[in-house]
Amino acid sequence: MFADRATIWIKSGKGGDGCVSFRREMFVAAGGPDGGDGGNGGDIIFEVDEGLNTLTDFRYIRKYAAENGEDGRSRNCHGKSGEDLVVKVPAGTIIREESTGKIVADMSGENRREIILKGGRGGKGNRHYATATMQVPKYAQPGQPAKELTVLLELKVIADVGLVGFPNVGKSTLLSRVTNAKPKIANYHFTTLNPNLGVVDLDGHQGFVIADIPGLIEGASKGVGLGHEFLRHIERTKVLIHLVDAASTEGRDPIADIYAIQAELNAYNPELCKRPQVIAANKIDAIFCEEGAPDPITRIREEFEPQGISVFPISAVSGKGLKELLYSVQELLSAADTAPIVFEKEFFPEFMQEPDLPYTVEKIEDGFFSVEGPRVERMLGYTNLDSEKGFEFFQKFLKVNGILDELEQLGITEGDTVRIYGFEFEYFK
């Protein structure tokens, strides 16, 4: 089954914590700190695999997590970094942040491999915090947390030309006639439920890729029928071929059909209607005009050629008129921008805000208070309290986060002691 949408959860690896350790050996009275650094967490990497053409695999595996970094060890042993996780996707896959719909990455063009979530950096061991005045640091830096994200994968096929039209107008027949594609063909609606791709080879000219977009219906831009499931595959195309049943074998008016399709394209993405278009008036070998009735090909030309849209009468079955149609499409492609259509990045996971981490402020006894919590512990790991600037920075952190206010509410006074993870400070206002 063709799958062009999937929702998955991805998570990078957490950085390993730095180690608090001291050298302990016989005949070494004061060995000093020897805590090693934590390893880096693994990255989540998306990579294009040319052997894939659908997102079917993601319907069965929906969670992808990279490996965490190992904690540092004593004797200056560095923790092992976590393994990266490489997620293989077909070319043309767009990765969106689920809640906002913003584009995280477009895996097309030259973008064949991209780090989507960076693993957390490993924390530094206590050996990094030894100074002349602090020779036995009893703290180490915690590893950075993992990042996680729910993303929507959306496949937009990569083709130069999009073949659009109502059901049963002959798109699959045309594609099978002009390319090596073998789409399913039958005389009933929605024979094609997948976008089919084929390569057109022209003598003396560069070939191009054409996509048979399954039959559209009115309301497709609003999701009626299989609307959005098909319309997204037109977005990368540079030229559109409107295929209509010029013989009206099912009683439909070809002119009304073209306007209906244009309305759906405009409602879905107005940029689509600005791209070069041609009209292929199919089934000319089945046209029967009563005496005095207008010729349908003439009607279509009179309606659309003044708008700058060329009309080519063809028969997809017999091949009549196909050569003229294809060479005209090639000319339009030659005049179009050759750069692939790549969607711009809109969401940057590296700037995601981390969730607020809790902390606790307690009065242990008169004149003695305690402050703990992951947020405070992490800030201690990032701050050199032995330097004046580092100490001022930590004081500002306590004030901005409301910790000093909570201490005052608990009745702290000047000269009281505040313990924060092995450090003791005298409180002065």
Protein backbone atom coordinates (compact mmCIF):
# COMPACT_ATOMS: atom_id res chain seq x y z
CA MET A 1 0.00 0.00 0.00
CA PHE A 2 1.31 3.45 -0.92
CA ALA A 3 1.86 5.62 2.16
CA ASP A 4 2.78 9.29 1.88
CA ARG A 5 2.08 10.48 5.45
CA ALA A 6 3.22 9.23 8.84
CA THR A 7 3.54 10.62 12.36
CA ILE A 8 6.50 9.50 14.49
CA TRP A 9 8.16 10.42 17.80
CA ILE A 10 11.90 11.04 17.85
CA LYS A 11 14.27 11.57 20.76
CA SER A 12 17.99 12.30 20.87
CA GLY A 13 20.27 10.83 23.52
CA LYS A 14 20.84 12.43 26.92
CA GLY A 15 24.37 13.51 27.77
CA GLY A 16 26.09 11.48 30.48
CA ASP A 17 26.69 13.11 33.85
CA GLY A 18 30.16 14.13 34.93
CA CYS A 19 31.66 12.09 37.75
CA VAL A 20 32.57 13.23 41.27
CA SER A 21 35.59 11.19 42.29
CA PHE A 22 38.93 11.59 44.07
CA ARG A 23 42.15 9.73 43.48
CA ARG A 24 42.67 7.10 46.17
CA GLU A 25 45.96 5.25 46.05
CA MET A 26 48.41 3.93 48.61
CA PHE A 27 51.09 6.44 49.47
CA VAL A 28 49.10 9.25 47.79
CA ALA A 29 47.80 11.34 50.68
CA ALA A 30 45.74 13.83 48.66
CA GLY A 31 45.28 12.61 45.11
CA GLY A 32 42.84 15.32 44.10
CA PRO A 33 39.73 15.10 41.90
CA ASP A 34 39.75 12.59 39.05
CA GLY A 35 36.11 12.48 37.93
CA GLY A 36 35.75 11.89 34.19
CA ASP A 37 33.39 13.62 31.76
CA GLY A 38 30.11 12.16 30.61
CA GLY A 39 29.68 11.02 27.01
CA ASN A 40 27.61 12.94 24.48
CA GLY A 41 24.14 11.69 23.65
CA GLY A 42 23.45 10.32 20.17
CA ASP A 43 21.93 12.48 17.41
CA ILE A 44 18.75 11.80 15.42
CA ILE A 45 19.77 12.00 11.75
CA PHE A 46 17.47 11.78 8.72
CA GLU A 47 19.00 10.48 5.51
CA VAL A 48 17.65 10.00 1.99
CA ASP A 49 17.54 6.40 0.78
CA GLU A 50 17.13 6.17 -2.99
CA GLY A 51 15.71 2.67 -2.60
CA LEU A 52 12.62 3.95 -0.78
CA ASN A 53 9.59 5.50 -2.45
CA THR A 54 6.92 5.38 0.28
CA LEU A 55 6.63 5.95 4.05
CA THR A 56 5.12 2.53 4.67
CA ASP A 57 7.79 1.47 7.21
CA PHE A 58 6.80 4.30 9.54
CA ARG A 59 3.31 2.87 9.95
CA TYR A 60 4.76 0.00 11.96
CA ILE A 61 7.61 1.67 13.87
CA ARG A 62 6.61 5.01 15.33
CA LYS A 63 9.22 5.67 18.05
CA TYR A 64 12.87 6.41 17.33
CA ALA A 65 15.35 7.14 20.13
CA ALA A 66 19.12 7.59 19.96
CA GLU A 67 21.40 6.17 22.63
CA ASN A 68 22.20 8.07 25.83
CA GLY A 69 25.78 8.99 26.67
CA GLU A 70 27.37 7.08 29.54
CA ASP A 71 28.25 8.80 32.80
CA GLY A 72 31.88 9.68 33.49
CA ARG A 73 33.89 7.43 35.79
CA SER A 74 36.70 7.75 38.27
CA ARG A 75 40.35 7.84 37.23
CA ASN A 76 39.53 10.45 34.58
CA CYS A 77 37.62 7.90 32.50
CA HIS A 78 35.39 9.53 29.89
CA GLY A 79 31.90 8.06 29.45
CA LYS A 80 31.12 6.49 26.07
CA SER A 81 29.13 8.67 23.70
CA GLY A 82 25.74 7.35 22.59
CA GLU A 83 25.27 5.95 19.09
CA ASP A 84 23.55 8.20 16.54
CA LEU A 85 20.27 6.94 15.08
CA VAL A 86 19.94 7.31 11.30
CA VAL A 87 16.35 7.35 10.01
CA LYS A 88 16.09 6.51 6.28
CA VAL A 89 13.40 8.31 4.24
CA PRO A 90 12.59 8.57 0.51
CA ALA A 91 13.71 11.62 -1.45
CA GLY A 92 11.11 14.37 -1.32
CA THR A 93 10.12 13.78 2.31
CA ILE A 94 9.19 16.88 4.28
CA ILE A 95 9.55 16.75 8.07
CA ARG A 96 7.08 18.95 9.97
CA GLU A 97 6.69 19.73 13.67
CA GLU A 98 3.33 18.15 14.43
CA SER A 99 1.64 20.81 16.58
CA THR A 100 2.54 23.83 14.41
CA GLY A 101 2.91 22.22 10.99
CA LYS A 102 6.15 24.16 10.48
CA ILE A 103 8.84 22.60 8.29
CA VAL A 104 11.82 21.15 10.15
CA ALA A 105 13.58 19.87 7.00
CA ASP A 106 12.93 19.11 3.34
CA MET A 107 14.87 16.01 2.31
CA SER A 108 15.22 16.87 -1.37
CA GLY A 109 17.60 18.63 -3.72
CA GLU A 110 21.11 18.64 -2.25
CA ASN A 111 19.85 17.96 1.27
CA ARG A 112 20.54 14.24 1.55
CA ARG A 113 21.43 14.04 5.25
CA GLU A 114 20.53 16.32 8.15
CA ILE A 115 20.80 16.23 11.94
CA ILE A 116 17.29 16.89 13.20
CA LEU A 117 17.85 16.52 16.96
CA LYS A 118 21.27 17.02 18.50
CA GLY A 119 22.17 14.80 21.42
CA GLY A 120 22.82 16.33 24.84
CA ARG A 121 26.40 17.30 25.62
CA GLY A 122 28.11 15.26 28.32
CA GLY A 123 28.73 16.94 31.70
CA LYS A 124 32.19 17.78 32.95
CA GLY A 125 33.72 15.76 35.79
CA ASN A 126 34.80 17.40 39.05
CA ARG A 127 38.44 17.50 37.93
CA HIS A 128 37.52 20.55 35.82
CA TYR A 129 36.49 22.53 38.88
CA ALA A 130 39.65 22.19 40.94
CA THR A 131 41.31 25.55 41.66
CA ALA A 132 43.92 26.86 44.07
CA THR A 133 41.20 27.73 46.57
CA MET A 134 38.84 24.84 45.78
CA GLN A 135 41.02 21.75 45.67
CA VAL A 136 38.30 19.20 46.50
CA PRO A 137 35.26 20.14 44.36
CA LYS A 138 32.38 17.88 45.33
CA TYR A 139 30.20 18.57 42.37
CA ALA A 140 30.26 17.77 38.65
CA GLN A 141 28.29 19.04 35.70
CA PRO A 142 25.14 17.09 34.81
CA GLY A 143 24.72 16.02 31.19
CA GLN A 144 22.42 18.05 28.96
CA PRO A 145 18.94 16.55 28.62
CA ALA A 146 17.68 14.79 25.53
CA LYS A 147 15.45 16.59 23.04
CA GLU A 148 12.25 14.98 21.83
CA LEU A 149 9.83 15.90 19.10
CA THR A 150 6.73 14.53 17.41
CA VAL A 151 7.04 15.04 13.67
CA LEU A 152 4.81 14.55 10.67
CA LEU A 153 6.51 13.01 7.65
CA GLU A 154 4.97 14.03 4.35
CA LEU A 155 6.13 12.72 0.99
CA LYS A 156 5.81 15.06 -1.98
CA VAL A 157 6.91 13.24 -5.12
CA ILE A 158 9.71 14.80 -7.13
CA ALA A 159 8.57 15.27 -10.72
CA ASP A 160 8.99 17.96 -13.38
CA VAL A 161 5.48 17.69 -14.80
CA GLY A 162 2.16 17.01 -13.10
CA LEU A 163 -0.66 15.33 -15.00
CA VAL A 164 -4.00 16.43 -13.54
CA GLY A 165 -7.63 15.85 -14.42
CA PHE A 166 -10.89 14.33 -13.29
CA PRO A 167 -11.18 10.55 -12.84
CA ASN A 168 -11.34 8.36 -15.93
CA VAL A 169 -10.06 10.91 -18.44
CA GLY A 170 -7.08 8.75 -19.48
CA LYS A 171 -4.15 9.92 -17.35
CA SER A 172 -2.85 6.42 -16.66
CA THR A 173 -3.20 5.48 -20.32
CA LEU A 174 -1.25 8.59 -21.35
CA LEU A 175 1.50 7.90 -18.81
CA SER A 176 1.88 4.30 -19.94
CA ARG A 177 2.06 5.47 -23.57
CA VAL A 178 4.77 8.13 -23.17
CA THR A 179 6.91 6.56 -20.41
CA ASN A 180 8.04 3.18 -19.16
CA ALA A 181 5.58 3.33 -16.24
CA LYS A 182 3.05 0.51 -15.88
CA PRO A 183 0.08 1.98 -14.00
CA LYS A 184 -3.09 0.00 -13.43
CA ILE A 185 -5.62 0.87 -16.13
CA ALA A 186 -9.34 0.12 -16.20
CA ASN A 187 -12.55 1.87 -17.19
CA TYR A 188 -13.76 2.86 -13.73
CA HIS A 189 -13.19 5.78 -11.39
CA PHE A 190 -10.17 5.90 -9.12
CA THR A 191 -8.31 3.06 -10.78
CA THR A 192 -5.22 5.00 -9.72
CA LEU A 193 -4.86 5.48 -5.98
CA ASN A 194 -1.11 6.17 -6.03
CA PRO A 195 0.91 8.89 -7.76
CA ASN A 196 2.70 7.12 -10.62
CA LEU A 197 6.00 8.41 -11.99
CA GLY A 198 7.49 7.88 -15.42
CA VAL A 199 10.43 9.24 -17.42
CA VAL A 200 9.76 10.78 -20.83
CA ASP A 201 12.65 10.44 -23.32
CA LEU A 202 12.67 12.84 -26.28
CA ASP A 203 15.04 12.60 -29.23
CA GLY A 204 17.57 15.40 -29.13
CA HIS A 205 16.19 16.84 -25.90
CA GLN A 206 16.63 16.25 -22.21
CA GLY A 207 14.05 13.91 -20.72
CA PHE A 208 11.78 14.78 -17.83
CA VAL A 209 9.81 13.08 -15.08
CA ILE A 210 6.04 13.15 -15.27
CA ALA A 211 3.69 12.28 -12.41
CA ASP A 212 0.18 10.93 -12.90
CA ILE A 213 -1.70 12.55 -10.01
CA PRO A 214 -4.80 10.46 -9.15
CA GLY A 215 -8.15 11.86 -10.25
CA LEU A 216 -9.23 15.03 -8.51
CA ILE A 217 -12.80 15.95 -7.70
CA GLU A 218 -14.50 19.19 -6.72
CA GLY A 219 -13.84 19.94 -3.06
CA ALA A 220 -10.47 18.17 -3.14
CA SER A 221 -8.69 21.22 -1.69
CA LYS A 222 -10.93 20.93 1.38
CA GLY A 223 -10.13 17.26 1.82
CA VAL A 224 -13.21 15.91 0.05
CA GLY A 225 -12.60 12.41 -1.30
CA LEU A 226 -8.84 11.89 -1.33
CA GLY A 227 -8.14 15.60 -1.91
CA HIS A 228 -5.09 16.46 0.18
CA GLU A 229 -3.71 12.96 -0.26
CA PHE A 230 -3.12 13.79 -3.94
CA LEU A 231 -2.74 17.56 -4.16
CA ARG A 232 0.50 17.64 -2.15
CA HIS A 233 2.26 15.71 -4.92
CA ILE A 234 1.74 18.54 -7.41
CA GLU A 235 3.65 21.08 -5.34
CA ARG A 236 7.13 20.28 -6.68
CA THR A 237 6.12 20.15 -10.35
CA LYS A 238 7.07 22.99 -12.68
CA VAL A 239 4.59 22.42 -15.50
CA LEU A 240 1.00 21.13 -15.36
CA ILE A 241 -0.84 19.18 -18.04
CA HIS A 242 -4.62 19.39 -17.76
CA LEU A 243 -6.03 16.23 -19.32
CA VAL A 244 -9.69 16.41 -20.30
CA ASP A 245 -12.15 14.14 -22.04
CA ALA A 246 -12.78 16.17 -25.17
CA ALA A 247 -15.34 13.61 -26.41
CA SER A 248 -17.43 13.97 -23.21
CA THR A 249 -17.87 10.18 -23.11
CA GLU A 250 -19.27 10.46 -19.58
CA GLY A 251 -21.36 13.55 -20.26
CA ARG A 252 -18.93 16.00 -18.64
CA ASP A 253 -18.13 19.42 -20.11
CA PRO A 254 -14.32 19.61 -20.64
CA ILE A 255 -14.25 23.41 -20.21
CA ALA A 256 -16.10 23.22 -16.90
CA ASP A 257 -13.72 20.44 -15.79
CA ILE A 258 -10.65 22.59 -16.45
CA TYR A 259 -12.05 25.51 -14.48
CA ALA A 260 -13.02 23.19 -11.63
CA ILE A 261 -9.50 21.73 -11.44
CA GLN A 262 -7.96 25.21 -11.55
CA ALA A 263 -10.23 26.29 -8.70
CA GLU A 264 -9.08 23.34 -6.58
CA LEU A 265 -5.41 24.06 -7.31
CA ASN A 266 -5.86 27.72 -6.44
CA ALA A 267 -7.69 26.91 -3.19
CA TYR A 268 -4.94 24.46 -2.14
CA ASN A 269 -1.95 26.60 -3.15
CA PRO A 270 -2.35 29.75 -5.32
CA GLU A 271 1.25 29.38 -6.55
CA LEU A 272 0.23 26.28 -8.51
CA CYS A 273 -1.97 28.27 -10.90
CA LYS A 274 0.96 30.58 -11.71
CA ARG A 275 2.99 27.74 -13.18
CA PRO A 276 3.05 27.04 -16.94
CA GLN A 277 0.09 24.92 -18.10
CA VAL A 278 -1.05 23.14 -21.21
CA ILE A 279 -4.30 21.38 -22.02
CA ALA A 280 -4.34 17.89 -23.52
CA ALA A 281 -7.76 17.31 -25.09
CA ASN A 282 -7.93 13.51 -25.00
CA LYS A 283 -10.13 10.91 -26.74
CA ILE A 284 -10.31 12.80 -30.04
CA ASP A 285 -10.88 9.46 -31.81
CA ALA A 286 -14.19 9.18 -29.90
CA ILE A 287 -15.51 12.64 -30.76
CA PHE A 288 -18.86 12.62 -32.51
CA CYS A 289 -20.41 15.93 -33.49
CA GLU A 290 -23.97 16.23 -34.67
CA GLU A 291 -24.52 18.35 -37.74
CA GLY A 292 -24.32 22.02 -36.80
CA ALA A 293 -22.89 21.30 -33.33
CA PRO A 294 -19.65 23.10 -32.40
CA ASP A 295 -16.42 21.14 -32.50
CA PRO A 296 -15.28 20.57 -28.86
CA ILE A 297 -11.61 21.15 -29.69
CA THR A 298 -12.47 24.53 -31.21
CA ARG A 299 -14.53 25.43 -28.13
CA ILE A 300 -11.65 24.59 -25.79
CA ARG A 301 -9.14 26.55 -27.89
CA GLU A 302 -11.37 29.61 -28.10
CA GLU A 303 -11.80 29.55 -24.33
CA PHE A 304 -8.22 28.98 -23.16
CA GLU A 305 -5.73 29.98 -25.86
CA PRO A 306 -6.54 33.71 -25.36
CA GLN A 307 -5.44 33.09 -21.72
CA GLY A 308 -2.04 31.89 -22.95
CA ILE A 309 -2.74 28.16 -22.41
CA SER A 310 -1.99 25.98 -25.43
CA VAL A 311 -4.43 23.20 -26.36
CA PHE A 312 -3.28 19.92 -27.92
CA PRO A 313 -5.82 17.43 -29.29
CA ILE A 314 -4.54 13.91 -28.56
CA SER A 315 -5.49 10.27 -28.37
CA ALA A 316 -3.71 8.50 -25.53
CA VAL A 317 -4.79 5.15 -26.99
CA SER A 318 -3.54 5.61 -30.56
CA GLY A 319 -0.71 8.05 -29.75
CA LYS A 320 -1.98 10.76 -32.09
CA GLY A 321 -0.80 14.26 -31.11
CA LEU A 322 1.45 13.09 -28.26
CA LYS A 323 4.71 14.15 -29.91
CA GLU A 324 3.54 17.76 -30.28
CA LEU A 325 2.31 17.80 -26.67
CA LEU A 326 5.56 16.47 -25.19
CA TYR A 327 7.84 18.78 -27.16
CA SER A 328 5.75 21.76 -26.09
CA VAL A 329 6.03 20.68 -22.45
CA GLN A 330 9.80 20.32 -22.89
CA GLU A 331 10.01 23.91 -24.16
CA LEU A 332 8.12 25.16 -21.10
CA LEU A 333 10.47 23.20 -18.82
CA SER A 334 13.52 24.63 -20.58
CA ALA A 335 12.29 28.15 -19.86
CA ALA A 336 11.49 27.35 -16.22
CA ASP A 337 13.88 27.67 -13.30
CA THR A 338 16.09 24.59 -13.23
CA ALA A 339 16.61 24.67 -9.47
CA PRO A 340 14.62 22.00 -7.63
CA ILE A 341 11.65 23.20 -5.57
CA VAL A 342 12.80 22.90 -1.96
CA PHE A 343 10.66 24.13 0.93
CA GLU A 344 12.29 26.50 3.40
CA LYS A 345 13.06 25.49 6.98
CA GLU A 346 10.61 27.09 9.44
CA PHE A 347 11.18 25.24 12.72
CA PHE A 348 14.54 24.98 14.49
CA PRO A 349 14.71 22.16 17.08
CA GLU A 350 18.01 23.46 18.44
CA PHE A 351 16.17 26.51 19.79
CA MET A 352 13.42 24.56 21.52
CA GLN A 353 12.94 25.76 25.07
CA GLU A 354 13.64 23.22 27.75
CA PRO A 355 10.84 22.66 30.26
CA ASP A 356 11.11 24.48 33.57
CA LEU A 357 12.89 22.33 36.13
CA PRO A 358 11.63 22.32 39.71
CA TYR A 359 13.49 23.39 42.85
CA THR A 360 12.74 23.33 46.59
CA VAL A 361 13.54 25.87 49.31
CA GLU A 362 13.35 24.60 52.90
CA LYS A 363 14.06 25.85 56.41
CA ILE A 364 15.98 23.08 58.17
CA GLU A 365 16.26 24.84 61.56
CA ASP A 366 16.71 28.36 62.87
CA GLY A 367 19.47 30.03 60.92
CA PHE A 368 19.88 27.14 58.49
CA PHE A 369 18.20 26.77 55.04
CA SER A 370 18.50 24.39 52.09
CA VAL A 371 18.01 24.90 48.34
CA GLU A 372 17.87 21.90 45.97
CA GLY A 373 16.49 20.87 42.61
CA PRO A 374 17.61 19.93 39.07
CA ARG A 375 17.57 23.53 37.87
CA VAL A 376 19.84 24.70 40.69
CA GLU A 377 22.12 21.67 40.35
CA ARG A 378 22.54 22.28 36.65
CA MET A 379 23.37 25.94 37.17
CA LEU A 380 26.02 24.98 39.75
CA GLY A 381 27.60 22.71 37.16
CA TYR A 382 27.78 25.56 34.67
CA THR A 383 29.14 28.16 37.11
CA ASN A 384 32.62 28.71 38.53
CA LEU A 385 31.83 29.99 42.03
CA ASP A 386 35.50 30.67 42.75
CA SER A 387 35.49 33.64 40.39
CA GLU A 388 33.84 36.93 41.30
CA LYS A 389 31.90 37.08 38.05
CA GLY A 390 30.78 33.49 38.41
CA PHE A 391 29.52 34.09 41.94
CA GLU A 392 27.64 37.24 40.85
CA PHE A 393 26.08 35.29 37.99
CA PHE A 394 24.86 32.61 40.40
CA GLN A 395 23.42 35.23 42.76
CA LYS A 396 21.52 36.80 39.86
CA PHE A 397 20.18 33.36 38.92
CA LEU A 398 18.84 32.89 42.48
CA LYS A 399 17.18 36.30 42.37
CA VAL A 400 15.64 36.04 38.87
CA ASN A 401 14.15 32.63 39.61
CA GLY A 402 12.53 33.81 42.84
CA ILE A 403 14.66 31.67 45.16
CA LEU A 404 15.82 34.66 47.25
CA ASP A 405 12.20 35.79 47.62
CA GLU A 406 11.20 32.36 48.89
CA LEU A 407 14.07 32.37 51.42
CA GLU A 408 12.87 35.72 52.74
CA GLN A 409 9.32 34.39 53.01
CA LEU A 410 10.68 31.57 55.17
CA GLY A 411 12.25 34.15 57.49
CA ILE A 412 15.90 34.16 56.53
CA THR A 413 17.98 36.96 58.04
CA GLU A 414 21.49 38.27 57.46
CA GLY A 415 24.17 35.87 58.65
CA ASP A 416 22.00 32.75 58.25
CA THR A 417 23.45 29.79 56.34
CA VAL A 418 22.15 28.48 53.01
CA ARG A 419 23.29 25.03 51.90
CA ILE A 420 23.19 24.25 48.18
CA TYR A 421 24.52 20.81 47.20
CA GLY A 422 27.52 20.74 49.55
CA PHE A 423 28.18 24.47 49.35
CA GLU A 424 27.38 26.69 52.31
CA PHE A 425 26.81 30.43 51.93
CA GLU A 426 26.17 33.19 54.44
CA TYR A 427 23.11 35.21 53.52
CA PHE A 428 23.56 38.96 53.16
CA LYS A 429 20.88 41.19 51.70
